[in-house]
Amino acid sequence: MRIKFLMLGGCVALLLGSAQASENYPVELRGEWLAAAEQGDAEAQFKLGKSYCCGYAAGYDTSKALYWMCKAGKQGHIDAIYEMGRQLEAVTVDYLPFTEQHFILEAYVWYRQAVDLGGHPLAQLYSRKLENSFSAGQMKIIEARQSAWSESGCDEYTD
């Protein structure tokens, strides 16, 4: 049963990931999104973050992507919260002055927020995958980070 669940989850992740990767966040709209994002529009913050993310277009910037998706996520934008987990799980050790462990723990915190706030199916899948590898000490760090999640800022994701 568990193997069928994991296989089904993997198929869903592949399909949803392909659909999300094909979405278009053109650089030309960054100015429009930036104006709205600076006014606190969560959808514009998410789109702006995605436009900087993942090499979708020239001028991608992981730091800006994380910052704007974090801003949207802190307002409850479920897709932004999930995407933060996904990006933090994938980020390289050399990117910020954190350890690889930090990124994995942070990714888990964001995935759990996506599950708790909106039941995001991929976040559920990925959080389960990660939580099986955490020690008791890591879970204490995660619990502290989760309890402070709503108060933490987004500036830590910028260079």
Protein backbone atom coordinates (compact mmCIF):
# COMPACT_ATOMS: atom_id res chain seq x y z
CA MET A 1 0.00 0.00 0.00
CA ARG A 2 2.79 2.42 0.94
CA ILE A 3 4.61 1.73 -2.34
CA LYS A 4 1.43 2.44 -4.33
CA PHE A 5 0.96 5.71 -2.41
CA LEU A 6 4.53 6.77 -3.11
CA MET A 7 4.26 5.85 -6.80
CA LEU A 8 0.97 7.73 -7.11
CA GLY A 9 2.47 10.71 -5.31
CA GLY A 10 5.48 10.67 -7.62
CA CYS A 11 3.22 10.65 -10.69
CA VAL A 12 1.18 13.55 -9.32
CA ALA A 13 4.37 15.47 -8.51
CA LEU A 14 5.71 14.89 -12.01
CA LEU A 15 2.49 16.04 -13.66
CA LEU A 16 2.03 19.09 -11.44
CA GLY A 17 5.71 19.96 -11.67
CA SER A 18 5.58 19.84 -15.47
CA ALA A 19 2.48 22.02 -15.54
CA GLN A 20 4.06 24.52 -13.18
CA ALA A 21 7.33 24.60 -15.12
CA SER A 22 5.45 25.44 -18.31
CA GLU A 23 3.82 28.48 -16.76
CA ASN A 24 5.16 31.74 -18.08
CA TYR A 25 6.41 34.56 -15.86
CA PRO A 26 7.89 36.94 -18.45
CA VAL A 27 10.58 39.44 -17.53
CA GLU A 28 8.61 42.13 -19.37
CA LEU A 29 5.94 42.06 -16.64
CA ARG A 30 8.35 42.46 -13.74
CA GLY A 31 7.83 46.23 -13.58
CA GLU A 32 4.06 45.79 -13.36
CA TRP A 33 4.36 43.05 -10.76
CA LEU A 34 6.96 45.00 -8.77
CA ALA A 35 4.65 47.98 -8.38
CA ALA A 36 1.84 45.78 -7.11
CA ALA A 37 4.21 43.62 -5.01
CA GLU A 38 5.58 46.66 -3.22
CA GLN A 39 1.98 47.59 -2.36
CA GLY A 40 1.55 44.18 -0.71
CA ASP A 41 -0.25 42.24 -3.45
CA ALA A 42 0.53 38.58 -2.65
CA GLU A 43 -0.24 37.30 -6.16
CA ALA A 44 2.07 39.91 -7.69
CA GLN A 45 4.76 39.01 -5.15
CA PHE A 46 4.42 35.35 -6.11
CA LYS A 47 4.57 36.08 -9.86
CA LEU A 48 7.53 38.39 -9.39
CA GLY A 49 9.30 35.71 -7.38
CA LYS A 50 8.58 33.11 -10.04
CA SER A 51 9.89 35.45 -12.75
CA TYR A 52 13.22 35.57 -10.93
CA CYS A 53 13.19 31.87 -10.17
CA CYS A 54 14.56 28.81 -11.79
CA GLY A 55 16.07 30.32 -14.90
CA TYR A 56 12.68 30.95 -16.53
CA ALA A 57 14.15 33.96 -18.28
CA ALA A 58 17.24 36.10 -18.54
CA GLY A 59 18.15 37.82 -15.32
CA TYR A 60 17.00 35.14 -12.92
CA ASP A 61 18.04 35.78 -9.34
CA THR A 62 17.48 33.16 -6.66
CA SER A 63 17.80 35.69 -3.85
CA LYS A 64 15.07 37.93 -5.29
CA ALA A 65 12.94 34.89 -6.10
CA LEU A 66 13.09 33.67 -2.49
CA TYR A 67 12.48 37.15 -1.09
CA TRP A 68 9.32 37.81 -3.11
CA MET A 69 7.92 34.31 -2.72
CA CYS A 70 8.55 34.59 1.02
CA LYS A 71 6.62 37.88 1.10
CA ALA A 72 3.69 36.24 -0.68
CA GLY A 73 3.90 33.17 1.53
CA LYS A 74 3.83 35.22 4.72
CA GLN A 75 0.47 36.54 3.49
CA GLY A 76 -0.87 33.01 3.11
CA HIS A 77 -0.30 32.42 -0.62
CA ILE A 78 -0.22 28.60 -0.55
CA ASP A 79 1.61 28.15 -3.86
CA ALA A 80 4.31 30.60 -2.71
CA ILE A 81 4.68 28.73 0.58
CA TYR A 82 5.07 25.43 -1.26
CA GLU A 83 7.49 26.96 -3.77
CA MET A 84 9.64 28.31 -0.93
CA GLY A 85 10.00 24.77 0.40
CA ARG A 86 10.83 23.46 -3.05
CA GLN A 87 13.46 26.12 -3.71
CA LEU A 88 15.05 25.82 -0.28
CA GLU A 89 15.30 22.06 -0.65
CA ALA A 90 17.05 22.50 -4.01
CA VAL A 91 19.37 25.41 -3.14
CA THR A 92 23.10 24.80 -3.14
CA VAL A 93 25.24 24.94 -0.01
CA ASP A 94 27.32 27.83 -1.40
CA TYR A 95 24.33 30.13 -1.99
CA LEU A 96 23.84 31.67 1.46
CA PRO A 97 25.83 31.56 4.69
CA PHE A 98 23.82 28.59 5.96
CA THR A 99 24.62 24.92 6.07
CA GLU A 100 22.94 22.35 3.87
CA GLN A 101 21.11 21.14 6.98
CA HIS A 102 19.65 24.60 7.45
CA PHE A 103 18.14 24.54 3.98
CA ILE A 104 16.59 21.12 4.47
CA LEU A 105 15.11 22.13 7.84
CA GLU A 106 13.82 25.40 6.37
CA ALA A 107 12.33 23.57 3.39
CA TYR A 108 10.49 21.27 5.77
CA VAL A 109 9.12 24.23 7.78
CA TRP A 110 7.76 25.83 4.59
CA TYR A 111 6.30 22.54 3.35
CA ARG A 112 4.55 22.02 6.70
CA GLN A 113 3.11 25.53 6.52
CA ALA A 114 1.70 24.76 3.06
CA VAL A 115 0.12 21.59 4.44
CA ASP A 116 -1.20 23.19 7.62
CA LEU A 117 -2.58 26.31 5.94
CA GLY A 118 -3.97 24.81 2.77
CA GLY A 119 -3.40 21.10 2.50
CA HIS A 120 -1.05 21.42 -0.49
CA PRO A 121 -0.70 17.81 -1.78
CA LEU A 122 2.89 18.06 -2.99
CA ALA A 123 3.97 19.78 0.21
CA GLN A 124 2.44 16.86 2.11
CA LEU A 125 4.41 14.40 0.01
CA TYR A 126 7.72 16.23 0.34
CA SER A 127 7.35 16.97 4.04
CA ARG A 128 6.74 13.28 4.74
CA LYS A 129 9.81 12.38 2.69
CA LEU A 130 12.00 14.78 4.67
CA GLU A 131 10.66 14.17 8.16
CA ASN A 132 11.70 10.53 8.08
CA SER A 133 15.35 11.61 7.99
CA PHE A 134 15.33 14.08 10.91
CA SER A 135 16.88 13.40 14.29
CA ALA A 136 15.19 14.35 17.56
CA GLY A 137 17.50 17.37 17.80
CA GLN A 138 16.57 18.51 14.30
CA MET A 139 12.88 18.16 15.13
CA LYS A 140 13.38 20.51 18.11
CA ILE A 141 14.95 23.09 15.79
CA ILE A 142 12.05 22.65 13.37
CA GLU A 143 9.44 23.04 16.11
CA ALA A 144 11.04 26.29 17.28
CA ARG A 145 11.22 27.59 13.71
CA GLN A 146 7.60 26.64 13.03
CA SER A 147 6.38 28.45 16.12
CA ALA A 148 8.21 31.61 15.01
CA TRP A 149 7.36 31.26 11.31
CA SER A 150 4.74 34.01 11.09
CA GLU A 151 6.97 36.51 12.92
CA SER A 152 10.12 35.83 10.91
CA GLY A 153 11.00 38.13 8.05
CA CYS A 154 12.05 37.59 4.46
CA ASP A 155 15.27 39.58 4.46
CA GLU A 156 17.28 36.51 5.48
CA TYR A 157 16.82 35.19 1.94
CA THR A 158 18.52 38.12 0.26
CA ASP A 159 22.24 38.40 -0.42
